[in-house]
PDB file of N, CA and C in Angstrom:
ATOM      1  N   MET A   1       0.984  -1.217   0.304  1.00  0.00           N
ATOM      2  CA  MET A   1      -0.210   0.157   0.055  1.00  0.00           C
ATOM      3  C   MET A   1       0.954   1.438   0.065  1.00  0.00           C
ATOM      4  N   ARG A   2       2.108   1.287   0.627  1.00  0.00           N
ATOM      5  CA  ARG A   2       2.846   2.271   0.897  1.00  0.00           C
ATOM      6  C   ARG A   2       3.553   2.627  -0.822  1.00  0.00           C
ATOM      7  N   ALA A   3       3.564   1.657  -1.361  1.00  0.00           N
ATOM      8  CA  ALA A   3       4.594   1.706  -2.631  1.00  0.00           C
ATOM      9  C   ALA A   3       3.535   2.434  -3.547  1.00  0.00           C
ATOM     10  N   MET A   4       2.070   1.925  -3.676  1.00  0.00           N
ATOM     11  CA  MET A   4       1.251   2.797  -4.627  1.00  0.00           C
ATOM     12  C   MET A   4       1.379   4.488  -4.072  1.00  0.00           C
ATOM     13  N   ASN A   5       1.205   4.376  -2.387  1.00  0.00           N
ATOM     14  CA  ASN A   5       1.156   6.073  -2.583  1.00  0.00           C
ATOM     15  C   ASN A   5       2.446   6.976  -2.858  1.00  0.00           C
ATOM     16  N   PHE A   6       3.578   6.113  -2.899  1.00  0.00           N
ATOM     17  CA  PHE A   6       4.770   6.669  -3.291  1.00  0.00           C
ATOM     18  C   PHE A   6       4.771   6.771  -4.800  1.00  0.00           C
ATOM     19  N   LYS A   7       3.993   6.257  -5.675  1.00  0.00           N
ATOM     20  CA  LYS A   7       4.497   6.586  -6.923  1.00  0.00           C
ATOM     21  C   LYS A   7       3.314   7.267  -7.527  1.00  0.00           C
ATOM     22  N   LYS A   8       2.066   7.591  -6.781  1.00  0.00           N
ATOM     23  CA  LYS A   8       1.279   8.354  -6.876  1.00  0.00           C
ATOM     24  C   LYS A   8       2.221  10.042  -6.833  1.00  0.00           C
ATOM     25  N   PHE A   9       3.265  10.425  -6.344  1.00  0.00           N
ATOM     26  CA  PHE A   9       4.131  11.554  -6.037  1.00  0.00           C
ATOM     27  C   PHE A   9       5.182  11.514  -7.209  1.00  0.00           C
ATOM     28  N   LEU A  10       5.939  10.155  -7.098  1.00  0.00           N
ATOM     29  CA  LEU A  10       7.070  10.124  -7.880  1.00  0.00           C
ATOM     30  C   LEU A  10       7.023  10.240  -9.353  1.00  0.00           C
ATOM     31  N   VAL A  11       5.955   9.664  -9.971  1.00  0.00           N
ATOM     32  CA  VAL A  11       5.699  10.153 -11.514  1.00  0.00           C
ATOM     33  C   VAL A  11       5.299  11.279 -12.046  1.00  0.00           C
ATOM     34  N   PRO A  12       4.650  12.177 -11.319  1.00  0.00           N
ATOM     35  CA  PRO A  12       4.580  13.815 -11.574  1.00  0.00           C
ATOM     36  C   PRO A  12       5.793  14.426 -11.197  1.00  0.00           C
ATOM     37  N   VAL A  13       6.536  14.187 -10.169  1.00  0.00           N
ATOM     38  CA  VAL A  13       7.704  14.781  -9.742  1.00  0.00           C
ATOM     39  C   VAL A  13       9.059  14.662 -11.101  1.00  0.00           C
ATOM     40  N   GLY A  14       8.843  13.004 -11.130  1.00  0.00           N
ATOM     41  CA  GLY A  14       9.660  12.771 -12.140  1.00  0.00           C
ATOM     42  C   GLY A  14       9.425  13.556 -13.756  1.00  0.00           C
ATOM     43  N   ALA A  15       8.099  13.946 -14.012  1.00  0.00           N
ATOM     44  CA  ALA A  15       7.890  14.608 -14.992  1.00  0.00           C
ATOM     45  C   ALA A  15       8.516  15.826 -14.940  1.00  0.00           C
ATOM     46  N   ILE A  16       8.031  16.507 -13.789  1.00  0.00           N
ATOM     47  CA  ILE A  16       8.514  17.944 -13.893  1.00  0.00           C
ATOM     48  C   ILE A  16       9.548  17.730 -13.573  1.00  0.00           C
ATOM     49  N   LEU A  17      10.840  17.201 -13.320  1.00  0.00           N
ATOM     50  CA  LEU A  17      12.177  17.318 -13.349  1.00  0.00           C
ATOM     51  C   LEU A  17      12.517  17.004 -14.597  1.00  0.00           C
ATOM     52  N   LEU A  18      12.166  15.979 -15.316  1.00  0.00           N
ATOM     53  CA  LEU A  18      12.627  15.899 -16.697  1.00  0.00           C
ATOM     54  C   LEU A  18      12.150  17.022 -17.444  1.00  0.00           C
ATOM     55  N   LEU A  19      11.129  17.825 -17.541  1.00  0.00           N
ATOM     56  CA  LEU A  19      10.888  19.086 -18.090  1.00  0.00           C
ATOM     57  C   LEU A  19      11.782  20.067 -17.975  1.00  0.00           C
ATOM     58  N   GLY A  20      12.284  20.107 -16.572  1.00  0.00           N
ATOM     59  CA  GLY A  20      13.088  21.226 -16.028  1.00  0.00           C
ATOM     60  C   GLY A  20      14.436  21.174 -16.443  1.00  0.00           C
ATOM     61  N   LEU A  21      14.924  19.728 -16.656  1.00  0.00           N
ATOM     62  CA  LEU A  21      16.058  19.417 -17.421  1.00  0.00           C
ATOM     63  C   LEU A  21      15.895  19.873 -18.753  1.00  0.00           C
ATOM     64  N   ALA A  22      14.642  19.285 -19.509  1.00  0.00           N
ATOM     65  CA  ALA A  22      14.852  19.499 -20.755  1.00  0.00           C
ATOM     66  C   ALA A  22      14.895  21.181 -21.009  1.00  0.00           C
ATOM     67  N   TRP A  23      14.159  22.221 -20.330  1.00  0.00           N
ATOM     68  CA  TRP A  23      14.642  23.410 -19.995  1.00  0.00           C
ATOM     69  C   TRP A  23      16.078  23.693 -20.193  1.00  0.00           C
ATOM     70  N   ARG A  24      16.724  23.360 -19.303  1.00  0.00           N
ATOM     71  CA  ARG A  24      17.776  23.642 -19.130  1.00  0.00           C
ATOM     72  C   ARG A  24      19.170  23.472 -20.254  1.00  0.00           C
ATOM     73  N   SER A  25      18.572  22.228 -20.942  1.00  0.00           N
ATOM     74  CA  SER A  25      19.497  21.685 -22.112  1.00  0.00           C
ATOM     75  C   SER A  25      19.166  22.457 -23.584  1.00  0.00           C
ATOM     76  N   GLY A  26      17.713  22.709 -23.365  1.00  0.00           N
ATOM     77  CA  GLY A  26      17.120  22.765 -24.891  1.00  0.00           C
ATOM     78  C   GLY A  26      16.071  23.839 -25.073  1.00  0.00           C
ATOM     79  N   GLY A  27      16.076  24.838 -24.172  1.00  0.00           N
ATOM     80  CA  GLY A  27      14.882  25.846 -23.969  1.00  0.00           C
ATOM     81  C   GLY A  27      13.521  25.024 -24.513  1.00  0.00           C
ATOM     82  N   TRP A  28      12.706  25.781 -25.349  1.00  0.00           N
ATOM     83  CA  TRP A  28      11.380  25.327 -25.702  1.00  0.00           C
ATOM     84  C   TRP A  28      11.484  24.206 -26.384  1.00  0.00           C
ATOM     85  N   GLY A  29      12.256  23.896 -27.435  1.00  0.00           N
ATOM     86  CA  GLY A  29      12.751  22.962 -27.939  1.00  0.00           C
ATOM     87  C   GLY A  29      12.631  21.603 -27.439  1.00  0.00           C
ATOM     88  N   GLY A  30      13.621  21.681 -26.228  1.00  0.00           N
ATOM     89  CA  GLY A  30      13.557  20.332 -25.084  1.00  0.00           C
ATOM     90  C   GLY A  30      12.195  20.322 -24.289  1.00  0.00           C
ATOM     91  N   VAL A  31      11.752  21.222 -23.928  1.00  0.00           N
ATOM     92  CA  VAL A  31      10.228  21.397 -23.393  1.00  0.00           C
ATOM     93  C   VAL A  31       9.506  20.454 -24.132  1.00  0.00           C
ATOM     94  N   ALA A  32       9.428  20.722 -25.316  1.00  0.00           N
ATOM     95  CA  ALA A  32       8.618  20.180 -26.382  1.00  0.00           C
ATOM     96  C   ALA A  32       8.542  18.909 -26.803  1.00  0.00           C
ATOM     97  N   LEU A  33       9.897  18.354 -26.757  1.00  0.00           N
ATOM     98  CA  LEU A  33      10.593  16.777 -27.031  1.00  0.00           C
ATOM     99  C   LEU A  33      10.236  16.317 -25.672  1.00  0.00           C
ATOM    100  N   ALA A  34      10.345  16.333 -24.454  1.00  0.00           N
ATOM    101  CA  ALA A  34      10.114  15.898 -23.353  1.00  0.00           C
ATOM    102  C   ALA A  34       8.228  16.004 -23.173  1.00  0.00           C
ATOM    103  N   GLY A  35       8.144  16.788 -23.222  1.00  0.00           N
ATOM    104  CA  GLY A  35       6.147  16.798 -23.521  1.00  0.00           C
ATOM    105  C   GLY A  35       5.909  16.031 -24.088  1.00  0.00           C
ATOM    106  N   GLY A  36       6.465  15.695 -25.265  1.00  0.00           N
ATOM    107  CA  GLY A  36       5.814  14.587 -26.282  1.00  0.00           C
ATOM    108  C   GLY A  36       5.976  13.557 -25.878  1.00  0.00           C
ATOM    109  N   ALA A  37       7.237  13.638 -25.563  1.00  0.00           N
ATOM    110  CA  ALA A  37       7.757  11.968 -24.587  1.00  0.00           C
ATOM    111  C   ALA A  37       6.758  11.785 -23.265  1.00  0.00           C
ATOM    112  N   ILE A  38       6.271  12.601 -22.668  1.00  0.00           N
ATOM    113  CA  ILE A  38       5.659  12.137 -21.654  1.00  0.00           C
ATOM    114  C   ILE A  38       4.082  12.067 -21.939  1.00  0.00           C
ATOM    115  N   VAL A  39       3.743  12.620 -23.077  1.00  0.00           N
ATOM    116  CA  VAL A  39       1.941  12.339 -23.773  1.00  0.00           C
ATOM    117  C   VAL A  39       2.194  11.131 -24.186  1.00  0.00           C
ATOM    118  N   MET A  40       3.536  10.410 -24.925  1.00  0.00           N
ATOM    119  CA  MET A  40       3.306   9.371 -25.339  1.00  0.00           C
ATOM    120  C   MET A  40       3.300   8.071 -24.276  1.00  0.00           C
ATOM    121  N   PHE A  41       4.246   8.276 -23.603  1.00  0.00           N
ATOM    122  CA  PHE A  41       4.424   7.495 -22.103  1.00  0.00           C
ATOM    123  C   PHE A  41       2.609   7.377 -21.565  1.00  0.00           C
ATOM    124  N   LEU A  42       1.907   8.190 -21.238  1.00  0.00           N
ATOM    125  CA  LEU A  42       0.420   8.402 -20.909  1.00  0.00           C
ATOM    126  C   LEU A  42      -0.253   7.357 -21.821  1.00  0.00           C
ATOM    127  N   LEU A  43      -0.171   7.891 -23.175  1.00  0.00           N
ATOM    128  CA  LEU A  43      -1.014   7.293 -24.208  1.00  0.00           C
ATOM    129  C   LEU A  43      -0.553   5.542 -24.233  1.00  0.00           C
ATOM    130  N   LEU A  44       0.312   5.143 -24.006  1.00  0.00           N
ATOM    131  CA  LEU A  44       0.949   3.916 -24.450  1.00  0.00           C
ATOM    132  C   LEU A  44       0.182   3.104 -23.043  1.00  0.00           C
ATOM    133  N   HIS A  45       0.205   3.869 -21.964  1.00  0.00           N
ATOM    134  CA  HIS A  45      -0.449   3.276 -20.516  1.00  0.00           C
ATOM    135  C   HIS A  45      -1.993   3.272 -20.548  1.00  0.00           C
ATOM    136  N   PHE A  46      -1.977   4.152 -21.255  1.00  0.00           N
ATOM    137  CA  PHE A  46      -3.979   4.410 -21.592  1.00  0.00           C
ATOM    138  C   PHE A  46      -4.326   3.439 -22.418  1.00  0.00           C
ATOM    139  N   ASN A  47      -3.640   3.271 -23.440  1.00  0.00           N
ATOM    140  CA  ASN A  47      -3.786   1.867 -24.398  1.00  0.00           C
ATOM    141  C   ASN A  47      -3.883   0.651 -23.734  1.00  0.00           C
ATOM    142  N   ARG A  48      -2.936   0.239 -23.013  1.00  0.00           N
ATOM    143  CA  ARG A  48      -3.011  -0.949 -22.420  1.00  0.00           C
ATOM    144  C   ARG A  48      -3.825  -1.040 -21.394  1.00  0.00           C
ATOM    145  N   ALA A  49      -4.182  -0.273 -20.686  1.00  0.00           N
ATOM    146  CA  ALA A  49      -5.537   0.002 -19.634  1.00  0.00           C
ATOM    147  C   ALA A  49      -6.710  -0.701 -20.240  1.00  0.00           C
ATOM    148  N   MET A  50      -7.025   0.014 -21.116  1.00  0.00           N
ATOM    149  CA  MET A  50      -8.261  -0.215 -22.114  1.00  0.00           C
ATOM    150  C   MET A  50      -8.123  -1.616 -22.805  1.00  0.00           C
ATOM    151  N   GLN A  51      -7.360  -1.987 -23.163  1.00  0.00           N
ATOM    152  CA  GLN A  51      -7.198  -3.286 -23.952  1.00  0.00           C
ATOM    153  C   GLN A  51      -7.313  -4.610 -22.665  1.00  0.00           C
ATOM    154  N   VAL A  52      -7.083  -4.189 -21.478  1.00  0.00           N
ATOM    155  CA  VAL A  52      -7.044  -4.963 -20.156  1.00  0.00           C
ATOM    156  C   VAL A  52      -8.713  -5.182 -19.959  1.00  0.00           C
ATOM    157  N   LEU A  53      -9.107  -3.914 -20.292  1.00  0.00           N
ATOM    158  CA  LEU A  53     -10.597  -3.625 -19.832  1.00  0.00           C
ATOM    159  C   LEU A  53     -11.165  -4.508 -20.587  1.00  0.00           C
ATOM    160  N   LYS A  54     -10.877  -4.288 -22.270  1.00  0.00           N
ATOM    161  CA  LYS A  54     -12.006  -4.497 -23.115  1.00  0.00           C
ATOM    162  C   LYS A  54     -11.798  -6.120 -23.217  1.00  0.00           C
ATOM    163  N   ARG A  55     -10.618  -6.818 -22.636  1.00  0.00           N
ATOM    164  CA  ARG A  55     -10.444  -8.005 -22.569  1.00  0.00           C
ATOM    165  C   ARG A  55     -11.201  -8.749 -21.530  1.00  0.00           C
ATOM    166  N   ALA A  56     -11.399  -7.856 -19.872  1.00  0.00           N
ATOM    167  CA  ALA A  56     -11.887  -8.281 -19.202  1.00  0.00           C
ATOM    168  C   ALA A  56     -13.571  -8.364 -19.233  1.00  0.00           C
ATOM    169  N   ALA A  57     -13.982  -7.289 -20.367  1.00  0.00           N
ATOM    170  CA  ALA A  57     -15.698  -7.152 -20.736  1.00  0.00           C
ATOM    171  C   ALA A  57     -15.905  -8.460 -21.460  1.00  0.00           C
ATOM    172  N   GLU A  58     -14.859  -8.934 -22.163  1.00  0.00           N
ATOM    173  CA  GLU A  58     -15.304  -9.923 -23.246  1.00  0.00           C
ATOM    174  C   GLU A  58     -15.432 -11.424 -22.849  1.00  0.00           C
ATOM    175  N   ARG A  59     -15.035 -11.696 -21.368  1.00  0.00           N
ATOM    176  CA  ARG A  59     -14.884 -12.890 -20.464  1.00  0.00           C
ATOM    177  C   ARG A  59     -16.325 -12.741 -19.464  1.00  0.00           C
ATOM    178  N   PRO A  60     -16.478 -14.200 -19.428  1.00  0.00           N
ATOM    179  CA  PRO A  60     -17.509 -14.598 -18.595  1.00  0.00           C
ATOM    180  C   PRO A  60     -17.263 -13.670 -16.866  1.00  0.00           C
ATOM    181  N   VAL A  61     -18.352 -13.393 -16.068  1.00  0.00           N
ATOM    182  CA  VAL A  61     -17.724 -12.790 -15.029  1.00  0.00           C
ATOM    183  C   VAL A  61     -17.079 -14.352 -14.073  1.00  0.00           C
ATOM    184  N   GLY A  62     -16.122 -13.460 -13.597  1.00  0.00           N
ATOM    185  CA  GLY A  62     -15.361 -14.252 -12.776  1.00  0.00           C
ATOM    186  C   GLY A  62     -13.721 -14.912 -13.071  1.00  0.00           C
ATOM    187  N   TYR A  63     -13.619 -14.260 -14.839  1.00  0.00           N
ATOM    188  CA  TYR A  63     -12.676 -14.999 -15.200  1.00  0.00           C
ATOM    189  C   TYR A  63     -11.953 -14.176 -16.104  1.00  0.00           C
ATOM    190  N   VAL A  64     -10.790 -14.187 -15.930  1.00  0.00           N
ATOM    191  CA  VAL A  64     -10.098 -12.921 -16.903  1.00  0.00           C
ATOM    192  C   VAL A  64      -8.820 -13.869 -17.106  1.00  0.00           C
ATOM    193  N   ALA A  65      -8.580 -13.506 -18.399  1.00  0.00           N
ATOM    194  CA  ALA A  65      -7.542 -14.578 -19.054  1.00  0.00           C
ATOM    195  C   ALA A  65      -5.969 -13.711 -18.569  1.00  0.00           C
ATOM    196  N   ALA A  66      -5.221 -14.427 -18.642  1.00  0.00           N
ATOM    197  CA  ALA A  66      -3.585 -13.957 -18.182  1.00  0.00           C
ATOM    198  C   ALA A  66      -3.364 -12.947 -19.465  1.00  0.00           C
ATOM    199  N   PRO A  67      -2.649 -11.863 -19.452  1.00  0.00           N
ATOM    200  CA  PRO A  67      -1.977 -11.193 -20.613  1.00  0.00           C
ATOM    201  C   PRO A  67      -1.112 -11.636 -21.415  1.00  0.00           C
TER     202      PRO A  67
END
């Protein structure tokens, strides 16, 4: 349970640090590149979650196939 609470704060702080480092090294171009990478990361995880939910919806109640 503690690890989950830690991850809630670690990911946004990591994203902010990444954006800060991108700003220092590349200005607005670096921020755009890092922002695009963060958005891609979020889209990939969202897509994976939707696939898992779709698979679960197609199965009988009480059974979910292993991914």
